[in-house]
Every structure is written in structure tokens, then in C-alpha cells.
Amino acid sequence: MNLSKNLKNGFLILTACLVLTACATQKKTTGKMQGDVYTGSDSVEYLASGVPDRVFFATNETVLTTASRETLRKQAAWLRKNSDINVVLEGHADERGTREYNLALGERRANSAKDYLMTYGISSDRISVLSYGKEKPVDSGSNPLAWSKNRRSVTVKAN
């Protein structure tokens, strides 16, 4: 009788542990590569609800991808609704290349995003550009996926 009761209690405890473990498990999203451009969302944060804060670029490029243009259209729509908010576009590059080259590349990337926002009615007075080059990687890895995540422009609210 006691053995049966102990087995039932053990089974209930085991079941409760499994249920709680299943509830605590989160599915980790993985980055997606399209050519050499990162298009996933595991490193993307949000400027506002539903408005991603960053766009990604191909190696040595400042040309906006289709996904980047869609993100910037969402940012422009949000900025039009929030006309009292100014932003800083932070340009970034991957670890390859010299410091000077990557600072210039990061600036060109941020300016590319700025120009696109301006075509959607956002005044240049509301947008500042700052390049970090390769100095602030979002992924410190030394592989194609990490490099792709680091080739970006990030839109942040100005102080």
C-alpha cells in the first residue's frame, strides 16, 4: 500500500517537473542568410512595437535590400506618427577591413538609411548619423553569419 502511494507521488512529481520544464523552454529563432545578408530576427530589437530597429547590408555594400527597405518604411511610418522624436542612425561594419575603411563604410550605410527615410517624408533635421565601423559588433564571432549580423544600420531614439 505504501509503495503504491509512493509511486503515485513520485509519478505526480515527475509529471509536474516535465510540465514546468516544457513551459519554461523557449524556442530560439535562428538567423537566416539570403546570399551574404542576414535577414533573421534573433538579433533584431525594436524601435517601437512591430518596428524593427535595424537593417542589414551585403559585404562592402551600402545598397538597401528589399527587407531593409520594408523595415525603413515601417520606421518612417512610425516617425511620421511620432513627429516629436528624433533618431540617430548608427552605421556598423564587420570585423574585416581597416578601422578607417569600416568607419567610412558604416557612415555610408547609415546615410543610405537616412536618405531612404527622407524619401518617405522624414526631415533630415530629425536624423543624425553616427558610424561605429567595426567597434561595436552585435555578434563577436568570426564567421559569415556573425559578419552578416554586424553589417547593419541601427535606428535609435536620440537623447
Protein backbone atom coordinates (compact mmCIF):
# COMPACT_ATOMS: atom_id res chain seq x y z
CA MET A 1 0.00 0.00 0.00
CA ASN A 2 2.80 2.44 0.99
CA LEU A 3 4.82 1.51 -2.12
CA SER A 4 1.82 2.25 -4.35
CA LYS A 5 1.29 5.62 -2.68
CA ASN A 6 5.00 6.48 -3.04
CA LEU A 7 4.94 5.52 -6.73
CA LYS A 8 1.89 7.72 -7.34
CA ASN A 9 3.51 10.66 -5.55
CA GLY A 10 6.76 10.15 -7.46
CA PHE A 11 4.85 9.97 -10.72
CA LEU A 12 2.97 13.19 -9.91
CA ILE A 13 6.20 14.99 -9.04
CA LEU A 14 7.87 13.77 -12.23
CA THR A 15 4.86 14.85 -14.33
CA ALA A 16 4.81 18.29 -12.68
CA CYS A 17 8.54 18.71 -13.36
CA LEU A 18 8.11 17.78 -17.02
CA VAL A 19 5.19 20.16 -17.45
CA LEU A 20 7.10 23.03 -15.82
CA THR A 21 10.19 22.32 -17.89
CA ALA A 22 8.13 22.33 -21.08
CA CYS A 23 6.58 25.68 -20.12
CA ALA A 24 9.98 27.22 -19.43
CA THR A 25 11.51 26.13 -22.74
CA GLN A 26 11.63 28.88 -25.34
CA LYS A 27 12.13 28.25 -29.00
CA LYS A 28 15.25 30.09 -30.12
CA THR A 29 14.95 31.67 -33.52
CA THR A 30 17.89 31.21 -35.80
CA GLY A 31 19.28 33.72 -38.22
CA LYS A 32 18.59 33.33 -41.89
CA MET A 33 21.04 34.14 -44.63
CA GLN A 34 19.96 35.36 -48.06
CA GLY A 35 23.15 35.40 -50.07
CA ASP A 36 25.58 37.08 -47.69
CA VAL A 37 22.92 39.23 -45.99
CA TYR A 38 21.40 38.35 -42.64
CA THR A 39 17.59 38.56 -42.69
CA GLY A 40 16.69 36.73 -39.48
CA SER A 41 15.29 38.30 -36.35
CA ASP A 42 17.20 36.80 -33.43
CA SER A 43 19.43 39.86 -33.04
CA VAL A 44 16.83 42.43 -34.02
CA GLU A 45 15.36 44.66 -31.36
CA TYR A 46 12.54 47.11 -31.85
CA LEU A 47 12.37 50.86 -32.18
CA ALA A 48 8.66 50.55 -31.37
CA SER A 49 6.11 47.76 -31.25
CA GLY A 50 6.36 45.94 -34.57
CA VAL A 51 9.03 48.31 -35.94
CA PRO A 52 12.47 46.66 -36.20
CA ASP A 53 15.38 48.90 -35.27
CA ARG A 54 17.97 47.68 -37.78
CA VAL A 55 18.65 46.88 -41.41
CA PHE A 56 21.39 44.68 -42.83
CA PHE A 57 23.79 45.03 -45.75
CA ALA A 58 25.81 42.77 -48.06
CA THR A 59 29.61 42.71 -47.83
CA ASN A 60 31.17 46.09 -48.71
CA GLU A 61 27.72 47.39 -49.75
CA THR A 62 25.53 50.32 -48.85
CA VAL A 63 22.64 49.34 -51.13
CA LEU A 64 19.43 48.60 -49.23
CA THR A 65 17.92 45.15 -49.66
CA THR A 66 14.19 44.60 -50.16
CA ALA A 67 13.87 43.57 -46.50
CA SER A 68 15.79 46.67 -45.40
CA ARG A 69 13.55 48.98 -47.42
CA GLU A 70 10.46 47.37 -45.85
CA THR A 71 11.90 47.90 -42.36
CA LEU A 72 12.72 51.53 -43.12
CA ARG A 73 9.19 52.11 -44.48
CA LYS A 74 7.85 50.91 -41.12
CA GLN A 75 10.28 53.20 -39.31
CA ALA A 76 9.22 56.17 -41.47
CA ALA A 77 5.52 55.50 -40.79
CA TRP A 78 6.22 55.35 -37.05
CA LEU A 79 8.35 58.51 -37.18
CA ARG A 80 5.60 60.38 -39.06
CA LYS A 81 3.17 59.48 -36.25
CA ASN A 82 5.74 60.50 -33.61
CA SER A 83 6.96 63.81 -35.02
CA ASP A 84 8.48 64.88 -31.69
CA ILE A 85 11.05 62.07 -31.78
CA ASN A 86 14.48 62.43 -33.39
CA VAL A 87 16.69 59.45 -34.22
CA VAL A 88 20.33 58.54 -34.64
CA LEU A 89 21.26 56.09 -37.38
CA GLU A 90 24.27 54.09 -36.21
CA GLY A 91 26.31 52.54 -39.03
CA HIS A 92 28.27 49.34 -38.44
CA ALA A 93 30.61 47.01 -40.34
CA ASP A 94 32.01 43.55 -39.76
CA GLU A 95 35.50 42.91 -38.40
CA ARG A 96 37.19 42.61 -41.77
CA GLY A 97 38.92 45.66 -43.21
CA THR A 98 40.78 48.52 -41.59
CA ARG A 99 39.32 50.70 -38.87
CA GLU A 100 39.26 53.72 -41.21
CA TYR A 101 37.60 51.81 -44.06
CA ASN A 102 34.92 50.41 -41.75
CA LEU A 103 34.19 53.79 -40.15
CA ALA A 104 33.61 55.25 -43.63
CA LEU A 105 31.52 52.22 -44.66
CA GLY A 106 29.40 52.45 -41.52
CA GLU A 107 28.76 56.13 -42.23
CA ARG A 108 27.74 55.39 -45.83
CA ARG A 109 25.35 52.67 -44.58
CA ALA A 110 23.74 55.00 -42.05
CA ASN A 111 23.43 57.70 -44.72
CA SER A 112 21.82 55.20 -47.07
CA ALA A 113 19.17 54.50 -44.43
CA LYS A 114 18.80 58.25 -43.75
CA ASP A 115 18.27 59.02 -47.44
CA TYR A 116 15.59 56.34 -47.64
CA LEU A 117 13.76 57.67 -44.57
CA MET A 118 13.86 61.14 -46.11
CA THR A 119 12.16 59.87 -49.28
CA TYR A 120 9.26 58.91 -47.00
CA GLY A 121 8.90 62.40 -45.60
CA ILE A 122 11.18 62.35 -42.56
CA SER A 123 13.07 65.64 -42.24
CA SER A 124 16.86 65.44 -42.26
CA ASP A 125 16.77 67.69 -39.17
CA ARG A 126 15.32 64.75 -37.20
CA ILE A 127 18.03 62.26 -38.25
CA SER A 128 21.65 62.18 -37.10
CA VAL A 129 24.26 59.79 -38.46
CA LEU A 130 26.99 58.12 -36.40
CA SER A 131 29.42 55.42 -37.50
CA TYR A 132 30.95 52.85 -35.20
CA GLY A 133 32.63 50.91 -38.01
CA LYS A 134 33.66 47.55 -36.58
CA GLU A 135 33.93 48.79 -32.98
CA LYS A 136 30.54 47.57 -31.68
CA PRO A 137 29.78 44.11 -33.10
CA VAL A 138 26.44 42.57 -32.18
CA ASP A 139 28.00 39.13 -32.72
CA SER A 140 31.67 38.64 -31.81
CA GLY A 141 32.01 35.50 -33.91
CA SER A 142 34.43 35.33 -36.80
CA ASN A 143 32.27 33.60 -39.41
CA PRO A 144 29.88 34.55 -42.25
CA LEU A 145 26.74 34.62 -40.06
CA ALA A 146 28.39 36.86 -37.43
CA TRP A 147 29.78 39.17 -40.12
CA SER A 148 26.36 39.45 -41.73
CA LYS A 149 24.71 40.41 -38.41
CA ASN A 150 27.36 43.09 -37.87
CA ARG A 151 26.88 44.76 -41.30
CA ARG A 152 23.98 46.95 -40.24
CA SER A 153 22.44 50.31 -39.56
CA VAL A 154 20.57 50.66 -36.26
CA THR A 155 17.95 53.33 -35.63
CA VAL A 156 17.88 54.57 -32.03
CA LYS A 157 15.95 57.37 -30.38
CA ALA A 158 18.10 60.46 -29.89
CA ASN A 159 18.51 61.77 -26.34
